[in-house]
Amino acid sequence: MKINEIERLYHGTDRCFDEFDFHKAKGFKDFGKGYYLTTNFNQALRWAQRKGSRNSKAYVYSYRVECADAENLKILELLKYDLKWLDFISQNRIYGKDTDYDIIYDRMADSQYTDISELLQAYVQKEKTAEEIIERIKWKEGIIANQYCFKNNEALQLLRDKVVYVLEKDKDGIWTIDEGDCDRV
């Protein structure tokens, strides 16, 4: 989905924050170091629950996207599972390559596969073809799984009207969700 078609983006995490800190972002991800969001609330919910399962608390941040301000940003659209996408994520996941893009989006590798990096390594070393790798790591038809990586503070300025959902897991392992803020106990 093109960025100018998006109404809201979501970020799921176990961390409470007012502003995203790029120094805490991890590299070696599909699009490199950055603030990762999705158009799919349930996907962000799964991210949050997976990250927060140990301490039984997580957060989903929701933002309205102000695309009118995006015209001066350098944006890379990877809207298809193709060679361009595969080469880009291979460089980031294996070598931690950095870019000068402000925002990179859309296709996401299927994290259900246990070791995407191992497959990407086989591709880079020419042990497997691009077609073989793409077929193994792309999300299957009908599943909405995307990611939008905001790489700097200029890009973050597009995110407005933050809403925070607080998730808590009870002693039976059942998650509850309430709109709130980080200070809620």
N, C-alpha and C. Protein backbone atom coordinates (compact mmCIF):
# COMPACT_ATOMS: atom_id res chain seq x y z
N MET A 1 0.84 -1.18 0.00
CA MET A 1 0.00 0.00 0.00
C MET A 1 0.89 1.24 0.00
N LYS A 2 0.64 2.13 -0.92
CA LYS A 2 1.46 3.35 -1.01
C LYS A 2 1.23 4.23 0.23
N ILE A 3 2.27 4.94 0.60
CA ILE A 3 2.22 5.70 1.84
C ILE A 3 1.14 6.78 1.83
N ASN A 4 0.85 7.35 0.67
CA ASN A 4 -0.17 8.40 0.62
C ASN A 4 -1.59 7.84 0.70
N GLU A 5 -1.74 6.51 0.74
CA GLU A 5 -3.05 5.86 0.88
C GLU A 5 -3.32 5.42 2.32
N ILE A 6 -2.38 5.63 3.20
CA ILE A 6 -2.48 5.13 4.58
C ILE A 6 -3.16 6.15 5.48
N GLU A 7 -4.06 5.65 6.30
CA GLU A 7 -4.69 6.51 7.30
C GLU A 7 -3.99 6.38 8.65
N ARG A 8 -3.67 5.12 9.05
CA ARG A 8 -3.03 4.91 10.35
C ARG A 8 -1.94 3.87 10.22
N LEU A 9 -0.91 4.02 11.05
CA LEU A 9 0.15 3.04 11.19
C LEU A 9 0.25 2.64 12.65
N TYR A 10 0.73 1.40 12.89
CA TYR A 10 0.78 0.85 14.24
C TYR A 10 2.16 0.27 14.53
N HIS A 11 2.60 0.41 15.78
CA HIS A 11 3.87 -0.14 16.23
C HIS A 11 3.63 -0.94 17.50
N GLY A 12 4.04 -2.21 17.51
CA GLY A 12 3.87 -3.06 18.69
C GLY A 12 5.20 -3.30 19.38
N THR A 13 5.22 -3.15 20.71
CA THR A 13 6.47 -3.26 21.46
C THR A 13 6.20 -3.58 22.93
N ASP A 14 7.26 -3.88 23.65
CA ASP A 14 7.16 -4.04 25.10
C ASP A 14 7.70 -2.81 25.81
N ARG A 15 8.02 -1.78 25.06
CA ARG A 15 8.62 -0.57 25.64
C ARG A 15 7.64 0.60 25.64
N CYS A 16 7.68 1.31 26.74
CA CYS A 16 6.88 2.51 26.90
C CYS A 16 7.75 3.72 26.59
N PHE A 17 7.28 4.60 25.71
CA PHE A 17 8.07 5.79 25.38
C PHE A 17 7.18 6.91 24.89
N ASP A 18 7.65 8.12 25.04
CA ASP A 18 6.95 9.28 24.50
C ASP A 18 7.42 9.56 23.08
N GLU A 19 8.74 9.42 22.87
CA GLU A 19 9.32 9.63 21.54
C GLU A 19 10.26 8.47 21.24
N PHE A 20 10.29 8.08 19.98
CA PHE A 20 11.15 6.98 19.57
C PHE A 20 12.61 7.42 19.61
N ASP A 21 13.48 6.56 20.12
CA ASP A 21 14.92 6.83 20.21
C ASP A 21 15.65 5.93 19.21
N PHE A 22 16.16 6.53 18.14
CA PHE A 22 16.85 5.76 17.10
C PHE A 22 18.11 5.07 17.62
N HIS A 23 18.69 5.56 18.69
CA HIS A 23 19.89 4.92 19.26
C HIS A 23 19.57 3.53 19.83
N LYS A 24 18.30 3.30 20.17
CA LYS A 24 17.90 2.00 20.72
C LYS A 24 17.42 1.03 19.64
N ALA A 25 17.31 1.51 18.41
CA ALA A 25 16.86 0.65 17.31
C ALA A 25 17.94 -0.36 16.96
N LYS A 26 17.49 -1.55 16.59
CA LYS A 26 18.43 -2.61 16.22
C LYS A 26 18.62 -2.64 14.72
N GLY A 27 19.83 -2.93 14.29
CA GLY A 27 20.12 -3.08 12.87
C GLY A 27 19.87 -4.50 12.42
N PHE A 28 20.33 -4.82 11.23
CA PHE A 28 20.25 -6.15 10.65
C PHE A 28 18.80 -6.63 10.52
N LYS A 29 17.90 -5.71 10.20
CA LYS A 29 16.50 -6.04 9.94
C LYS A 29 16.24 -5.84 8.44
N ASP A 30 15.04 -6.19 7.97
CA ASP A 30 14.74 -6.11 6.54
C ASP A 30 15.15 -4.78 5.91
N PHE A 31 14.78 -3.69 6.54
CA PHE A 31 15.06 -2.37 5.98
C PHE A 31 16.10 -1.61 6.80
N GLY A 32 16.83 -2.31 7.62
CA GLY A 32 17.88 -1.69 8.44
C GLY A 32 17.33 -1.13 9.74
N LYS A 33 18.12 -0.28 10.33
CA LYS A 33 17.79 0.32 11.61
C LYS A 33 16.70 1.37 11.43
N GLY A 34 15.67 1.33 12.28
CA GLY A 34 14.61 2.33 12.17
C GLY A 34 13.42 1.99 13.05
N TYR A 35 12.38 2.78 12.91
CA TYR A 35 11.13 2.63 13.65
C TYR A 35 10.16 1.91 12.72
N TYR A 36 9.81 0.66 13.05
CA TYR A 36 9.00 -0.19 12.19
C TYR A 36 7.53 -0.12 12.59
N LEU A 37 6.70 0.08 11.59
CA LEU A 37 5.26 0.16 11.79
C LEU A 37 4.56 -0.67 10.72
N THR A 38 3.25 -0.87 10.89
CA THR A 38 2.45 -1.62 9.93
C THR A 38 1.08 -0.98 9.80
N THR A 39 0.40 -1.27 8.70
CA THR A 39 -0.99 -0.81 8.53
C THR A 39 -1.97 -1.75 9.20
N ASN A 40 -1.49 -2.91 9.66
CA ASN A 40 -2.35 -3.96 10.20
C ASN A 40 -2.28 -3.96 11.73
N PHE A 41 -3.37 -3.52 12.37
CA PHE A 41 -3.39 -3.46 13.83
C PHE A 41 -3.09 -4.82 14.45
N ASN A 42 -3.67 -5.89 13.91
CA ASN A 42 -3.45 -7.22 14.48
C ASN A 42 -2.00 -7.67 14.37
N GLN A 43 -1.32 -7.26 13.32
CA GLN A 43 0.10 -7.56 13.18
C GLN A 43 0.89 -6.85 14.29
N ALA A 44 0.59 -5.58 14.53
CA ALA A 44 1.25 -4.83 15.61
C ALA A 44 0.94 -5.46 16.96
N LEU A 45 -0.28 -5.92 17.13
CA LEU A 45 -0.69 -6.60 18.36
C LEU A 45 0.16 -7.86 18.58
N ARG A 46 0.37 -8.64 17.53
CA ARG A 46 1.21 -9.84 17.64
C ARG A 46 2.65 -9.46 17.98
N TRP A 47 3.18 -8.41 17.35
CA TRP A 47 4.54 -7.95 17.67
C TRP A 47 4.63 -7.61 19.15
N ALA A 48 3.64 -6.85 19.63
CA ALA A 48 3.64 -6.42 21.03
C ALA A 48 3.56 -7.61 21.98
N GLN A 49 2.66 -8.54 21.72
CA GLN A 49 2.49 -9.69 22.59
C GLN A 49 3.74 -10.57 22.60
N ARG A 50 4.36 -10.76 21.45
CA ARG A 50 5.58 -11.58 21.40
C ARG A 50 6.69 -10.92 22.20
N LYS A 51 6.85 -9.61 22.04
CA LYS A 51 7.91 -8.91 22.76
C LYS A 51 7.61 -8.77 24.25
N GLY A 52 6.33 -8.64 24.60
CA GLY A 52 5.95 -8.42 25.99
C GLY A 52 5.59 -9.67 26.75
N SER A 53 5.74 -10.83 26.14
CA SER A 53 5.28 -12.06 26.80
C SER A 53 6.03 -12.35 28.09
N ARG A 54 7.29 -11.98 28.17
CA ARG A 54 8.08 -12.27 29.38
C ARG A 54 7.66 -11.43 30.57
N ASN A 55 7.40 -10.14 30.35
CA ASN A 55 7.03 -9.29 31.48
C ASN A 55 5.52 -9.02 31.56
N SER A 56 4.74 -9.67 30.67
CA SER A 56 3.27 -9.61 30.70
C SER A 56 2.70 -8.22 30.45
N LYS A 57 3.47 -7.34 29.82
CA LYS A 57 2.99 -6.01 29.51
C LYS A 57 3.54 -5.59 28.15
N ALA A 58 2.70 -4.95 27.35
CA ALA A 58 3.13 -4.51 26.03
C ALA A 58 2.30 -3.30 25.61
N TYR A 59 2.67 -2.72 24.48
CA TYR A 59 2.02 -1.51 24.00
C TYR A 59 1.88 -1.56 22.48
N VAL A 60 0.77 -1.02 22.00
CA VAL A 60 0.61 -0.77 20.58
C VAL A 60 0.40 0.73 20.43
N TYR A 61 1.27 1.35 19.64
CA TYR A 61 1.17 2.77 19.35
C TYR A 61 0.48 2.93 18.00
N SER A 62 -0.48 3.83 17.94
CA SER A 62 -1.23 4.08 16.72
C SER A 62 -1.04 5.55 16.33
N TYR A 63 -0.82 5.78 15.02
CA TYR A 63 -0.57 7.14 14.54
C TYR A 63 -1.38 7.41 13.28
N ARG A 64 -1.86 8.63 13.16
CA ARG A 64 -2.39 9.12 11.90
C ARG A 64 -1.20 9.55 11.07
N VAL A 65 -1.24 9.29 9.77
CA VAL A 65 -0.11 9.63 8.89
C VAL A 65 -0.46 10.88 8.10
N GLU A 66 0.39 11.88 8.20
CA GLU A 66 0.21 13.15 7.49
C GLU A 66 1.09 13.15 6.25
N CYS A 67 0.57 12.61 5.16
CA CYS A 67 1.36 12.40 3.95
C CYS A 67 1.67 13.68 3.18
N ALA A 68 0.93 14.73 3.42
CA ALA A 68 1.20 15.98 2.72
C ALA A 68 2.61 16.48 3.00
N ASP A 69 3.16 16.09 4.14
CA ASP A 69 4.50 16.52 4.52
C ASP A 69 5.60 15.61 3.98
N ALA A 70 5.25 14.59 3.21
CA ALA A 70 6.23 13.60 2.75
C ALA A 70 6.95 13.98 1.48
N GLU A 71 6.53 15.05 0.82
CA GLU A 71 7.09 15.37 -0.49
C GLU A 71 8.59 15.65 -0.49
N ASN A 72 9.16 16.07 0.61
CA ASN A 72 10.60 16.36 0.66
C ASN A 72 11.43 15.21 1.21
N LEU A 73 10.78 14.08 1.47
CA LEU A 73 11.48 12.93 2.02
C LEU A 73 11.89 11.97 0.91
N LYS A 74 13.00 11.27 1.15
CA LYS A 74 13.46 10.26 0.21
C LYS A 74 12.84 8.93 0.64
N ILE A 75 11.96 8.39 -0.23
CA ILE A 75 11.17 7.22 0.11
C ILE A 75 11.44 6.10 -0.89
N LEU A 76 11.67 4.91 -0.37
CA LEU A 76 11.85 3.72 -1.20
C LEU A 76 10.64 2.82 -1.04
N GLU A 77 9.96 2.54 -2.16
CA GLU A 77 8.81 1.64 -2.16
C GLU A 77 9.26 0.28 -2.68
N LEU A 78 9.04 -0.74 -1.88
CA LEU A 78 9.31 -2.12 -2.28
C LEU A 78 7.97 -2.84 -2.22
N LEU A 79 7.17 -2.68 -3.27
CA LEU A 79 5.78 -3.10 -3.26
C LEU A 79 5.56 -4.52 -3.79
N LYS A 80 6.65 -5.18 -4.24
CA LYS A 80 6.52 -6.53 -4.78
C LYS A 80 7.64 -7.41 -4.22
N TYR A 81 7.35 -8.69 -4.13
CA TYR A 81 8.38 -9.66 -3.81
C TYR A 81 9.14 -9.93 -5.10
N ASP A 82 10.23 -9.21 -5.28
CA ASP A 82 11.01 -9.34 -6.50
C ASP A 82 12.50 -9.25 -6.18
N LEU A 83 13.33 -9.24 -7.21
CA LEU A 83 14.78 -9.21 -7.02
C LEU A 83 15.24 -7.94 -6.29
N LYS A 84 14.64 -6.80 -6.61
CA LYS A 84 15.00 -5.55 -5.93
C LYS A 84 14.76 -5.67 -4.41
N TRP A 85 13.59 -6.21 -4.03
CA TRP A 85 13.27 -6.40 -2.62
C TRP A 85 14.24 -7.38 -1.97
N LEU A 86 14.47 -8.51 -2.63
CA LEU A 86 15.35 -9.54 -2.07
C LEU A 86 16.77 -9.02 -1.88
N ASP A 87 17.30 -8.33 -2.88
CA ASP A 87 18.66 -7.78 -2.76
C ASP A 87 18.74 -6.77 -1.62
N PHE A 88 17.70 -5.95 -1.49
CA PHE A 88 17.71 -4.92 -0.45
C PHE A 88 17.69 -5.55 0.95
N ILE A 89 16.77 -6.49 1.19
CA ILE A 89 16.72 -7.07 2.54
C ILE A 89 17.95 -7.93 2.82
N SER A 90 18.51 -8.57 1.79
CA SER A 90 19.73 -9.37 1.99
C SER A 90 20.88 -8.49 2.47
N GLN A 91 21.05 -7.34 1.84
CA GLN A 91 22.12 -6.43 2.23
C GLN A 91 21.94 -5.94 3.67
N ASN A 92 20.70 -5.68 4.06
CA ASN A 92 20.43 -5.18 5.41
C ASN A 92 20.57 -6.26 6.46
N ARG A 93 19.99 -7.42 6.22
CA ARG A 93 20.00 -8.50 7.22
C ARG A 93 21.38 -9.12 7.39
N ILE A 94 22.12 -9.25 6.31
CA ILE A 94 23.42 -9.92 6.39
C ILE A 94 24.55 -8.96 6.73
N TYR A 95 24.57 -7.80 6.08
CA TYR A 95 25.69 -6.88 6.23
C TYR A 95 25.38 -5.64 7.07
N GLY A 96 24.11 -5.46 7.46
CA GLY A 96 23.75 -4.29 8.24
C GLY A 96 23.91 -3.00 7.46
N LYS A 97 23.73 -3.08 6.14
CA LYS A 97 23.91 -1.93 5.27
C LYS A 97 22.98 -0.79 5.67
N ASP A 98 23.48 0.43 5.62
CA ASP A 98 22.66 1.59 5.92
C ASP A 98 22.39 2.34 4.62
N THR A 99 21.31 3.09 4.58
CA THR A 99 20.94 3.84 3.38
C THR A 99 20.64 5.28 3.76
N ASP A 100 20.43 6.09 2.74
CA ASP A 100 20.08 7.49 2.99
C ASP A 100 18.57 7.74 2.80
N TYR A 101 17.78 6.68 2.75
CA TYR A 101 16.33 6.85 2.65
C TYR A 101 15.76 7.30 3.99
N ASP A 102 14.68 8.07 3.91
CA ASP A 102 13.97 8.51 5.12
C ASP A 102 12.91 7.48 5.53
N ILE A 103 12.26 6.89 4.52
CA ILE A 103 11.23 5.88 4.76
C ILE A 103 11.40 4.78 3.73
N ILE A 104 11.28 3.53 4.20
CA ILE A 104 11.32 2.37 3.31
C ILE A 104 10.11 1.52 3.66
N TYR A 105 9.42 1.04 2.64
CA TYR A 105 8.27 0.20 2.93
C TYR A 105 7.93 -0.73 1.80
N ASP A 106 7.38 -1.75 2.03
CA ASP A 106 6.13 -2.41 2.20
C ASP A 106 6.29 -3.90 2.42
N ARG A 107 6.87 -4.64 1.50
CA ARG A 107 6.90 -6.10 1.64
C ARG A 107 7.70 -6.53 2.86
N MET A 108 7.21 -7.58 3.50
CA MET A 108 7.82 -8.09 4.72
C MET A 108 8.13 -9.57 4.54
N ALA A 109 9.31 -9.99 4.96
CA ALA A 109 9.65 -11.41 4.92
C ALA A 109 8.82 -12.14 5.98
N ASP A 110 8.43 -13.38 5.68
CA ASP A 110 7.61 -14.17 6.59
C ASP A 110 8.44 -14.67 7.76
N SER A 111 8.19 -14.11 8.92
CA SER A 111 8.97 -14.46 10.11
C SER A 111 8.60 -15.84 10.66
N GLN A 112 7.65 -16.52 10.04
CA GLN A 112 7.31 -17.87 10.47
C GLN A 112 8.43 -18.84 10.11
N TYR A 113 9.19 -18.48 9.06
CA TYR A 113 10.32 -19.33 8.70
C TYR A 113 11.40 -19.13 9.77
N THR A 114 11.97 -20.20 10.27
CA THR A 114 12.84 -20.12 11.44
C THR A 114 14.11 -19.31 11.23
N ASP A 115 14.72 -19.39 10.08
CA ASP A 115 15.95 -18.63 9.91
C ASP A 115 16.04 -18.01 8.53
N ILE A 116 15.41 -16.86 8.39
CA ILE A 116 15.43 -16.14 7.12
C ILE A 116 16.86 -15.78 6.75
N SER A 117 17.66 -15.41 7.74
CA SER A 117 19.04 -15.00 7.46
C SER A 117 19.84 -16.13 6.82
N GLU A 118 19.58 -17.35 7.23
CA GLU A 118 20.27 -18.51 6.65
C GLU A 118 19.92 -18.64 5.16
N LEU A 119 18.66 -18.46 4.82
CA LEU A 119 18.25 -18.51 3.42
C LEU A 119 18.86 -17.36 2.62
N LEU A 120 18.86 -16.18 3.20
CA LEU A 120 19.44 -15.03 2.50
C LEU A 120 20.93 -15.23 2.27
N GLN A 121 21.60 -15.82 3.23
CA GLN A 121 23.03 -16.12 3.08
C GLN A 121 23.23 -17.08 1.91
N ALA A 122 22.38 -18.09 1.79
CA ALA A 122 22.46 -19.05 0.68
C ALA A 122 22.25 -18.34 -0.65
N TYR A 123 21.37 -17.35 -0.68
CA TYR A 123 21.14 -16.57 -1.89
C TYR A 123 22.37 -15.73 -2.24
N VAL A 124 22.90 -15.01 -1.26
CA VAL A 124 24.07 -14.14 -1.49
C VAL A 124 25.27 -14.96 -1.95
N GLN A 125 25.41 -16.17 -1.44
CA GLN A 125 26.53 -17.04 -1.82
C GLN A 125 26.22 -17.86 -3.07
N LYS A 126 25.08 -17.54 -3.70
CA LYS A 126 24.66 -18.18 -4.95
C LYS A 126 24.45 -19.69 -4.83
N GLU A 127 24.07 -20.14 -3.63
CA GLU A 127 23.74 -21.54 -3.43
C GLU A 127 22.28 -21.82 -3.78
N LYS A 128 21.46 -20.77 -3.76
CA LYS A 128 20.05 -20.87 -4.12
C LYS A 128 19.69 -19.68 -5.00
N THR A 129 18.68 -19.86 -5.85
CA THR A 129 18.26 -18.79 -6.75
C THR A 129 17.35 -17.80 -6.03
N ALA A 130 17.23 -16.63 -6.61
CA ALA A 130 16.32 -15.61 -6.08
C ALA A 130 14.90 -16.14 -6.03
N GLU A 131 14.48 -16.83 -7.07
CA GLU A 131 13.12 -17.36 -7.13
C GLU A 131 12.86 -18.34 -5.98
N GLU A 132 13.82 -19.22 -5.70
CA GLU A 132 13.67 -20.18 -4.60
C GLU A 132 13.51 -19.46 -3.26
N ILE A 133 14.36 -18.47 -3.04
CA ILE A 133 14.35 -17.76 -1.76
C ILE A 133 13.06 -16.97 -1.59
N ILE A 134 12.68 -16.23 -2.62
CA ILE A 134 11.46 -15.42 -2.54
C ILE A 134 10.26 -16.30 -2.24
N GLU A 135 10.16 -17.43 -2.91
CA GLU A 135 9.04 -18.34 -2.70
C GLU A 135 8.99 -18.83 -1.25
N ARG A 136 10.15 -19.05 -0.65
CA ARG A 136 10.21 -19.56 0.74
C ARG A 136 9.88 -18.50 1.78
N ILE A 137 10.29 -17.24 1.54
CA ILE A 137 10.18 -16.24 2.60
C ILE A 137 9.07 -15.21 2.39
N LYS A 138 8.40 -15.24 1.25
CA LYS A 138 7.32 -14.27 1.08
C LYS A 138 6.09 -14.74 1.85
N TRP A 139 5.26 -13.78 2.24
CA TRP A 139 4.01 -14.11 2.90
C TRP A 139 3.08 -14.72 1.88
N LYS A 140 2.30 -15.65 2.31
CA LYS A 140 1.39 -16.35 1.41
C LYS A 140 0.23 -15.43 1.03
N GLU A 141 -0.37 -15.73 -0.12
CA GLU A 141 -1.49 -14.92 -0.63
C GLU A 141 -2.58 -14.77 0.43
N GLY A 142 -3.16 -13.59 0.48
CA GLY A 142 -4.27 -13.35 1.39
C GLY A 142 -3.87 -12.86 2.77
N ILE A 143 -2.60 -12.91 3.09
CA ILE A 143 -2.14 -12.44 4.41
C ILE A 143 -1.59 -11.03 4.25
N ILE A 144 -2.12 -10.11 5.03
CA ILE A 144 -1.63 -8.73 4.98
C ILE A 144 -0.51 -8.60 6.00
N ALA A 145 0.71 -8.49 5.50
CA ALA A 145 1.87 -8.34 6.38
C ALA A 145 2.80 -7.34 5.70
N ASN A 146 2.82 -6.15 6.23
CA ASN A 146 3.68 -5.12 5.65
C ASN A 146 4.45 -4.41 6.75
N GLN A 147 5.43 -3.64 6.33
CA GLN A 147 6.21 -2.89 7.31
C GLN A 147 6.65 -1.57 6.68
N TYR A 148 6.64 -0.56 7.51
CA TYR A 148 7.05 0.78 7.12
C TYR A 148 8.15 1.17 8.08
N CYS A 149 9.33 1.41 7.55
CA CYS A 149 10.48 1.73 8.38
C CYS A 149 10.78 3.22 8.26
N PHE A 150 10.61 3.93 9.35
CA PHE A 150 10.93 5.35 9.42
C PHE A 150 12.35 5.45 9.96
N LYS A 151 13.24 6.05 9.17
CA LYS A 151 14.68 5.98 9.42
C LYS A 151 15.25 7.17 10.17
N ASN A 152 14.50 8.25 10.34
CA ASN A 152 15.05 9.44 11.00
C ASN A 152 13.93 10.31 11.56
N ASN A 153 14.31 11.35 12.28
CA ASN A 153 13.34 12.22 12.93
C ASN A 153 12.48 13.00 11.93
N GLU A 154 13.05 13.32 10.77
CA GLU A 154 12.26 14.02 9.75
C GLU A 154 11.08 13.15 9.31
N ALA A 155 11.33 11.86 9.13
CA ALA A 155 10.26 10.94 8.74
C ALA A 155 9.23 10.81 9.86
N LEU A 156 9.68 10.77 11.10
CA LEU A 156 8.76 10.63 12.23
C LEU A 156 7.77 11.79 12.32
N GLN A 157 8.12 12.93 11.73
CA GLN A 157 7.22 14.09 11.77
C GLN A 157 5.91 13.82 11.04
N LEU A 158 5.85 12.79 10.20
CA LEU A 158 4.60 12.43 9.51
C LEU A 158 3.60 11.76 10.43
N LEU A 159 4.08 11.26 11.56
CA LEU A 159 3.22 10.51 12.49
C LEU A 159 2.58 11.47 13.49
N ARG A 160 1.26 11.50 13.48
CA ARG A 160 0.52 12.45 14.33
C ARG A 160 -0.56 11.74 15.14
N ASP A 161 -1.08 12.45 16.12
CA ASP A 161 -2.24 11.99 16.91
C ASP A 161 -2.02 10.60 17.48
N LYS A 162 -0.96 10.46 18.24
CA LYS A 162 -0.61 9.17 18.83
C LYS A 162 -1.69 8.70 19.80
N VAL A 163 -2.03 7.41 19.68
CA VAL A 163 -2.90 6.73 20.63
C VAL A 163 -2.12 5.52 21.12
N VAL A 164 -2.15 5.29 22.43
CA VAL A 164 -1.42 4.16 23.01
C VAL A 164 -2.42 3.14 23.54
N TYR A 165 -2.22 1.89 23.16
CA TYR A 165 -3.00 0.78 23.70
C TYR A 165 -2.09 0.00 24.63
N VAL A 166 -2.56 -0.21 25.85
CA VAL A 166 -1.79 -0.93 26.86
C VAL A 166 -2.31 -2.36 26.92
N LEU A 167 -1.41 -3.31 26.78
CA LEU A 167 -1.76 -4.74 26.82
C LEU A 167 -1.18 -5.33 28.09
N GLU A 168 -2.00 -6.13 28.79
CA GLU A 168 -1.52 -6.82 29.98
C GLU A 168 -1.96 -8.28 29.93
N LYS A 169 -1.05 -9.16 30.30
CA LYS A 169 -1.34 -10.59 30.31
C LYS A 169 -1.59 -11.03 31.74
N ASP A 170 -2.73 -11.70 31.96
CA ASP A 170 -3.05 -12.14 33.32
C ASP A 170 -2.37 -13.48 33.64
N LYS A 171 -2.58 -13.99 34.84
CA LYS A 171 -1.90 -15.21 35.29
C LYS A 171 -2.28 -16.44 34.47
N ASP A 172 -3.41 -16.36 33.74
CA ASP A 172 -3.85 -17.46 32.88
C ASP A 172 -3.32 -17.31 31.44
N GLY A 173 -2.55 -16.26 31.21
CA GLY A 173 -1.99 -16.04 29.88
C GLY A 173 -2.92 -15.34 28.91
N ILE A 174 -3.99 -14.75 29.42
CA ILE A 174 -4.96 -14.04 28.59
C ILE A 174 -4.58 -12.56 28.55
N TRP A 175 -4.49 -12.02 27.32
CA TRP A 175 -4.15 -10.61 27.15
C TRP A 175 -5.41 -9.75 27.16
N THR A 176 -5.34 -8.61 27.85
CA THR A 176 -6.39 -7.60 27.79
C THR A 176 -5.78 -6.36 27.15
N ILE A 177 -6.62 -5.56 26.55
CA ILE A 177 -6.13 -4.35 25.89
C ILE A 177 -7.05 -3.18 26.24
N ASP A 178 -6.43 -2.07 26.61
CA ASP A 178 -7.16 -0.85 26.94
C ASP A 178 -6.42 0.33 26.34
N GLU A 179 -7.19 1.31 25.89
CA GLU A 179 -6.55 2.55 25.46
C GLU A 179 -6.07 3.26 26.70
N GLY A 180 -4.87 3.76 26.65
CA GLY A 180 -4.32 4.40 27.85
C GLY A 180 -3.03 5.13 27.54
N ASP A 181 -2.12 5.04 28.49
CA ASP A 181 -0.80 5.64 28.29
C ASP A 181 0.22 4.82 29.05
N CYS A 182 1.44 5.18 28.91
CA CYS A 182 2.52 4.39 29.50
C CYS A 182 2.54 4.45 31.01
N ASP A 183 1.99 5.48 31.60
CA ASP A 183 2.08 5.65 33.04
C ASP A 183 1.08 4.79 33.79
N ARG A 184 0.15 4.19 33.07
CA ARG A 184 -0.88 3.36 33.70
C ARG A 184 -0.22 2.15 34.36
N VAL A 185 -0.63 1.86 35.58
CA VAL A 185 -0.06 0.71 36.31
C VAL A 185 -0.99 -0.49 36.18
